[in-house]
Amino acid sequence: MLELRINGFGGQGSVTLAHLLAQAALENGERGQALPFFGVERRGAPVRAAVRMSPTTIHAHSQCELPDYVVVMSEKLTEAAVREGISELGTVIINAPSAVTVEKHPTWQVDAEAIAHEAGLFSADGPLINIPLFGAVCRVLNIPQNIMEQTILNKWPGNNERNLGAAGKAYNTVTQISV
């Protein structure tokens, strides 16, 4: 079973990203479980969500303590996200404009904010970075691009050119910084 935690700020779309990843697991023939974590958070406060993926039934329903992957939606949260817990062999995926390395952990980087700006994906809170991050995480997890695209089309039927373009660009540009 694969466990993944998403660390972001309220309003960045952490919960939607978790649901998209769980759905992508289902579309890929596996089991998927999204675990949103709600407390007294508000827009702009640090928040988290988690995802489990497995080829077999998932029996765990608790929060992920030492996930295999940590997705950091803002590089400002990198240190806190890693300190919160990650498996010894865990991988970090960071939204940052330039390379950020995390000591002792393989690190991937994508500039989801720039991709969202370029695609015109905005909300009242700013760029919608969860769509590009969805593409980047799918690539890192080896979820095929056509499964990623199908998940987006199933979530939002209709004209999805901007979402598909942003997720596809992130899928193809996420870069492994350290091994």
C-alpha atoms as a PDB file:
ATOM      1  CA  MET A   1       0.000   0.000   0.000  1.00  0.00           C
ATOM      2  CA  LEU A   2       1.215   3.468  -0.905  1.00  0.00           C
ATOM      3  CA  GLU A   3       0.533   6.395   1.435  1.00  0.00           C
ATOM      4  CA  LEU A   4       0.823  10.037   0.412  1.00  0.00           C
ATOM      5  CA  ARG A   5       0.305  13.216   2.453  1.00  0.00           C
ATOM      6  CA  ILE A   6      -0.419  16.642   0.978  1.00  0.00           C
ATOM      7  CA  ASN A   7       0.703  19.709   2.940  1.00  0.00           C
ATOM      8  CA  GLY A   8      -0.633  23.049   1.778  1.00  0.00           C
ATOM      9  CA  PHE A   9      -2.381  26.217   2.834  1.00  0.00           C
ATOM     10  CA  GLY A  10      -6.160  26.508   3.117  1.00  0.00           C
ATOM     11  CA  GLY A  11      -7.628  27.456  -0.248  1.00  0.00           C
ATOM     12  CA  GLN A  12      -4.906  25.797  -2.378  1.00  0.00           C
ATOM     13  CA  GLY A  13      -6.989  22.713  -3.140  1.00  0.00           C
ATOM     14  CA  SER A  14      -5.317  20.048  -0.987  1.00  0.00           C
ATOM     15  CA  VAL A  15      -8.567  18.125  -0.505  1.00  0.00           C
ATOM     16  CA  THR A  16      -9.469  18.254  -4.212  1.00  0.00           C
ATOM     17  CA  LEU A  17      -5.967  17.024  -5.048  1.00  0.00           C
ATOM     18  CA  ALA A  18      -6.407  14.102  -2.627  1.00  0.00           C
ATOM     19  CA  HIS A  19      -9.742  13.173  -4.214  1.00  0.00           C
ATOM     20  CA  LEU A  20      -8.277  13.375  -7.733  1.00  0.00           C
ATOM     21  CA  LEU A  21      -5.387  11.069  -6.774  1.00  0.00           C
ATOM     22  CA  ALA A  22      -7.711   8.538  -5.133  1.00  0.00           C
ATOM     23  CA  GLN A  23      -9.919   8.603  -8.237  1.00  0.00           C
ATOM     24  CA  ALA A  24      -6.879   8.161 -10.498  1.00  0.00           C
ATOM     25  CA  ALA A  25      -5.984   5.028  -8.517  1.00  0.00           C
ATOM     26  CA  LEU A  26      -9.495   3.683  -9.164  1.00  0.00           C
ATOM     27  CA  GLU A  27      -9.269   4.582 -12.867  1.00  0.00           C
ATOM     28  CA  ASN A  28      -5.937   2.714 -12.915  1.00  0.00           C
ATOM     29  CA  GLY A  29      -7.522  -0.488 -11.558  1.00  0.00           C
ATOM     30  CA  GLU A  30      -6.402  -0.067  -7.942  1.00  0.00           C
ATOM     31  CA  ARG A  31      -8.099   0.934  -4.713  1.00  0.00           C
ATOM     32  CA  GLY A  32      -7.941   4.564  -3.666  1.00  0.00           C
ATOM     33  CA  GLN A  33      -8.794   6.360  -0.446  1.00  0.00           C
ATOM     34  CA  ALA A  34      -8.804  10.130   0.113  1.00  0.00           C
ATOM     35  CA  LEU A  35      -8.403  11.276   3.702  1.00  0.00           C
ATOM     36  CA  PRO A  36      -9.140  14.972   4.132  1.00  0.00           C
ATOM     37  CA  PHE A  37      -8.140  16.355   7.514  1.00  0.00           C
ATOM     38  CA  PHE A  38     -10.347  19.110   8.841  1.00  0.00           C
ATOM     39  CA  GLY A  39      -9.744  20.985  12.043  1.00  0.00           C
ATOM     40  CA  VAL A  40     -10.109  24.651  12.810  1.00  0.00           C
ATOM     41  CA  GLU A  41      -8.199  25.567   9.645  1.00  0.00           C
ATOM     42  CA  ARG A  42      -9.112  28.615   7.651  1.00  0.00           C
ATOM     43  CA  ARG A  43      -8.013  29.989   4.311  1.00  0.00           C
ATOM     44  CA  GLY A  44      -4.285  30.583   4.391  1.00  0.00           C
ATOM     45  CA  ALA A  45      -3.614  28.351   7.416  1.00  0.00           C
ATOM     46  CA  PRO A  46      -1.528  25.176   7.007  1.00  0.00           C
ATOM     47  CA  VAL A  47      -3.735  22.173   6.112  1.00  0.00           C
ATOM     48  CA  ARG A  48      -3.212  18.581   5.081  1.00  0.00           C
ATOM     49  CA  ALA A  49      -4.922  15.715   3.326  1.00  0.00           C
ATOM     50  CA  ALA A  50      -3.780  12.180   2.632  1.00  0.00           C
ATOM     51  CA  VAL A  51      -4.253   9.457   0.037  1.00  0.00           C
ATOM     52  CA  ARG A  52      -3.833   5.702   0.108  1.00  0.00           C
ATOM     53  CA  MET A  53      -3.481   3.561  -3.024  1.00  0.00           C
ATOM     54  CA  SER A  54      -3.296  -0.198  -3.143  1.00  0.00           C
ATOM     55  CA  PRO A  55      -3.831  -3.049  -5.590  1.00  0.00           C
ATOM     56  CA  THR A  56      -5.846  -4.790  -2.826  1.00  0.00           C
ATOM     57  CA  THR A  57      -8.449  -3.759  -0.274  1.00  0.00           C
ATOM     58  CA  ILE A  58      -7.399  -0.937   2.042  1.00  0.00           C
ATOM     59  CA  HIS A  59      -8.210  -1.761   5.648  1.00  0.00           C
ATOM     60  CA  ALA A  60      -6.580   1.281   7.306  1.00  0.00           C
ATOM     61  CA  HIS A  61      -8.748   4.354   7.851  1.00  0.00           C
ATOM     62  CA  SER A  62      -6.501   6.453  10.108  1.00  0.00           C
ATOM     63  CA  GLN A  63      -4.361   9.404   9.095  1.00  0.00           C
ATOM     64  CA  CYS A  64      -1.023   8.648   7.425  1.00  0.00           C
ATOM     65  CA  GLU A  65       1.767   8.952   9.993  1.00  0.00           C
ATOM     66  CA  LEU A  66       4.838   8.083   7.887  1.00  0.00           C
ATOM     67  CA  PRO A  67       3.776   8.395   4.241  1.00  0.00           C
ATOM     68  CA  ASP A  68       5.813   7.158   1.298  1.00  0.00           C
ATOM     69  CA  TYR A  69       5.324  10.510  -0.474  1.00  0.00           C
ATOM     70  CA  VAL A  70       4.827  14.049   0.790  1.00  0.00           C
ATOM     71  CA  VAL A  71       3.434  16.668  -1.597  1.00  0.00           C
ATOM     72  CA  VAL A  72       4.355  20.212  -0.553  1.00  0.00           C
ATOM     73  CA  MET A  73       2.025  22.746  -2.161  1.00  0.00           C
ATOM     74  CA  SER A  74       4.157  25.708  -1.030  1.00  0.00           C
ATOM     75  CA  GLU A  75       7.913  25.562  -0.585  1.00  0.00           C
ATOM     76  CA  LYS A  76       7.419  27.607   2.622  1.00  0.00           C
ATOM     77  CA  LEU A  77       5.969  24.427   4.171  1.00  0.00           C
ATOM     78  CA  THR A  78       8.821  22.093   3.190  1.00  0.00           C
ATOM     79  CA  GLU A  79      10.591  21.904   6.530  1.00  0.00           C
ATOM     80  CA  ALA A  80       7.352  21.554   8.523  1.00  0.00           C
ATOM     81  CA  ALA A  81       5.973  18.912   6.135  1.00  0.00           C
ATOM     82  CA  VAL A  82       9.072  16.727   6.419  1.00  0.00           C
ATOM     83  CA  ARG A  83       9.269  17.229  10.185  1.00  0.00           C
ATOM     84  CA  GLU A  84       5.619  16.103  10.464  1.00  0.00           C
ATOM     85  CA  GLY A  85       6.730  12.687   9.252  1.00  0.00           C
ATOM     86  CA  ILE A  86       7.796  10.762   6.180  1.00  0.00           C
ATOM     87  CA  SER A  87       9.021   7.208   5.768  1.00  0.00           C
ATOM     88  CA  GLU A  88      12.763   6.672   5.836  1.00  0.00           C
ATOM     89  CA  LEU A  89      12.732   5.982   2.082  1.00  0.00           C
ATOM     90  CA  GLY A  90      10.037   8.596   1.393  1.00  0.00           C
ATOM     91  CA  THR A  91       9.964  10.980  -1.559  1.00  0.00           C
ATOM     92  CA  VAL A  92       9.090  14.692  -1.502  1.00  0.00           C
ATOM     93  CA  ILE A  93       7.297  16.470  -4.372  1.00  0.00           C
ATOM     94  CA  ILE A  94       7.504  20.277  -4.109  1.00  0.00           C
ATOM     95  CA  ASN A  95       5.744  23.139  -5.876  1.00  0.00           C
ATOM     96  CA  ALA A  96       8.563  25.673  -6.229  1.00  0.00           C
ATOM     97  CA  PRO A  97       9.874  27.982  -8.954  1.00  0.00           C
ATOM     98  CA  SER A  98      13.375  26.500  -8.660  1.00  0.00           C
ATOM     99  CA  ALA A  99      15.090  23.414  -7.313  1.00  0.00           C
ATOM    100  CA  VAL A 100      14.599  22.673  -3.628  1.00  0.00           C
ATOM    101  CA  THR A 101      16.317  19.664  -2.115  1.00  0.00           C
ATOM    102  CA  VAL A 102      15.343  17.842   1.020  1.00  0.00           C
ATOM    103  CA  GLU A 103      18.179  16.174   2.866  1.00  0.00           C
ATOM    104  CA  LYS A 104      17.968  12.351   2.950  1.00  0.00           C
ATOM    105  CA  HIS A 105      14.912  12.157   0.651  1.00  0.00           C
ATOM    106  CA  PRO A 106      14.528  11.934  -3.117  1.00  0.00           C
ATOM    107  CA  THR A 107      12.986  15.220  -4.238  1.00  0.00           C
ATOM    108  CA  TRP A 108      10.924  16.215  -7.282  1.00  0.00           C
ATOM    109  CA  GLN A 109      10.132  19.824  -8.224  1.00  0.00           C
ATOM    110  CA  VAL A 110       7.504  21.436 -10.425  1.00  0.00           C
ATOM    111  CA  ASP A 111       6.521  25.096 -10.765  1.00  0.00           C
ATOM    112  CA  ALA A 112       2.777  24.493 -10.455  1.00  0.00           C
ATOM    113  CA  GLU A 113       2.080  28.164  -9.830  1.00  0.00           C
ATOM    114  CA  ALA A 114       3.687  29.262 -13.113  1.00  0.00           C
ATOM    115  CA  ILE A 115       1.872  26.482 -14.991  1.00  0.00           C
ATOM    116  CA  ALA A 116      -1.475  27.532 -13.467  1.00  0.00           C
ATOM    117  CA  HIS A 117      -0.802  31.193 -14.394  1.00  0.00           C
ATOM    118  CA  GLU A 118       0.090  30.223 -17.951  1.00  0.00           C
ATOM    119  CA  ALA A 119      -3.077  28.118 -18.269  1.00  0.00           C
ATOM    120  CA  GLY A 120      -5.288  30.845 -16.799  1.00  0.00           C
ATOM    121  CA  LEU A 121      -6.352  28.719 -13.823  1.00  0.00           C
ATOM    122  CA  PHE A 122      -7.335  31.166 -11.068  1.00  0.00           C
ATOM    123  CA  SER A 123      -9.722  31.441  -8.155  1.00  0.00           C
ATOM    124  CA  ALA A 124     -10.370  34.342  -5.813  1.00  0.00           C
ATOM    125  CA  ASP A 125      -7.451  33.058  -3.697  1.00  0.00           C
ATOM    126  CA  GLY A 126      -4.932  32.922  -6.542  1.00  0.00           C
ATOM    127  CA  PRO A 127      -3.671  30.308  -8.993  1.00  0.00           C
ATOM    128  CA  LEU A 128      -5.249  26.834  -8.901  1.00  0.00           C
ATOM    129  CA  ILE A 129      -2.082  24.825  -8.358  1.00  0.00           C
ATOM    130  CA  ASN A 130      -3.804  21.549  -7.494  1.00  0.00           C
ATOM    131  CA  ILE A 131      -4.409  20.691 -11.165  1.00  0.00           C
ATOM    132  CA  PRO A 132      -0.736  21.012 -12.195  1.00  0.00           C
ATOM    133  CA  LEU A 133       0.300  19.214  -9.005  1.00  0.00           C
ATOM    134  CA  PHE A 134      -2.091  16.403  -9.897  1.00  0.00           C
ATOM    135  CA  GLY A 135      -0.238  15.970 -13.185  1.00  0.00           C
ATOM    136  CA  ALA A 136       3.169  16.067 -11.498  1.00  0.00           C
ATOM    137  CA  VAL A 137       2.209  13.550  -8.810  1.00  0.00           C
ATOM    138  CA  CYS A 138       0.714  11.195 -11.410  1.00  0.00           C
ATOM    139  CA  ARG A 139       4.034  11.249 -13.270  1.00  0.00           C
ATOM    140  CA  VAL A 140       6.079  10.583 -10.114  1.00  0.00           C
ATOM    141  CA  LEU A 141       3.735   7.715  -9.146  1.00  0.00           C
ATOM    142  CA  ASN A 142       3.887   6.262 -12.697  1.00  0.00           C
ATOM    143  CA  ILE A 143       0.161   6.727 -13.265  1.00  0.00           C
ATOM    144  CA  PRO A 144      -0.232   6.829 -17.063  1.00  0.00           C
ATOM    145  CA  GLN A 145      -1.012  10.210 -18.584  1.00  0.00           C
ATOM    146  CA  ASN A 146      -4.200   8.901 -20.211  1.00  0.00           C
ATOM    147  CA  ILE A 147      -5.480   7.823 -16.760  1.00  0.00           C
ATOM    148  CA  MET A 148      -4.660  11.296 -15.405  1.00  0.00           C
ATOM    149  CA  GLU A 149      -6.578  12.881 -18.290  1.00  0.00           C
ATOM    150  CA  GLN A 150      -9.562  10.536 -17.895  1.00  0.00           C
ATOM    151  CA  THR A 151      -9.750  11.364 -14.184  1.00  0.00           C
ATOM    152  CA  ILE A 152      -9.962  15.089 -14.973  1.00  0.00           C
ATOM    153  CA  LEU A 153     -12.619  14.516 -17.649  1.00  0.00           C
ATOM    154  CA  ASN A 154     -14.693  12.386 -15.266  1.00  0.00           C
ATOM    155  CA  LYS A 155     -14.432  14.978 -12.481  1.00  0.00           C
ATOM    156  CA  TRP A 156     -15.315  17.954 -14.688  1.00  0.00           C
ATOM    157  CA  PRO A 157     -17.198  16.904 -17.837  1.00  0.00           C
ATOM    158  CA  GLY A 158     -17.154  19.433 -20.643  1.00  0.00           C
ATOM    159  CA  ASN A 159     -14.495  21.805 -21.860  1.00  0.00           C
ATOM    160  CA  ASN A 160     -11.332  20.987 -19.933  1.00  0.00           C
ATOM    161  CA  GLU A 161      -8.618  22.276 -22.230  1.00  0.00           C
ATOM    162  CA  ARG A 162      -7.023  24.463 -19.546  1.00  0.00           C
ATOM    163  CA  ASN A 163      -7.103  21.744 -16.876  1.00  0.00           C
ATOM    164  CA  LEU A 164      -5.810  19.068 -19.257  1.00  0.00           C
ATOM    165  CA  GLY A 165      -3.123  21.402 -20.587  1.00  0.00           C
ATOM    166  CA  ALA A 166      -1.901  22.405 -17.118  1.00  0.00           C
ATOM    167  CA  ALA A 167      -1.884  18.838 -15.788  1.00  0.00           C
ATOM    168  CA  GLY A 168      -0.168  17.596 -18.963  1.00  0.00           C
ATOM    169  CA  LYS A 169       2.511  20.272 -18.819  1.00  0.00           C
ATOM    170  CA  ALA A 170       3.278  19.452 -15.171  1.00  0.00           C
ATOM    171  CA  TYR A 171       3.272  15.724 -15.983  1.00  0.00           C
ATOM    172  CA  ASN A 172       5.934  16.340 -18.604  1.00  0.00           C
ATOM    173  CA  THR A 173       8.041  18.927 -16.753  1.00  0.00           C
ATOM    174  CA  VAL A 174       8.229  17.665 -13.147  1.00  0.00           C
ATOM    175  CA  THR A 175      11.929  17.130 -12.484  1.00  0.00           C
ATOM    176  CA  GLN A 176      13.755  14.850 -10.100  1.00  0.00           C
ATOM    177  CA  ILE A 177      16.192  17.076  -8.197  1.00  0.00           C
ATOM    178  CA  SER A 178      17.856  14.538  -5.924  1.00  0.00           C
ATOM    179  CA  VAL A 179      17.923  10.778  -5.618  1.00  0.00           C
END
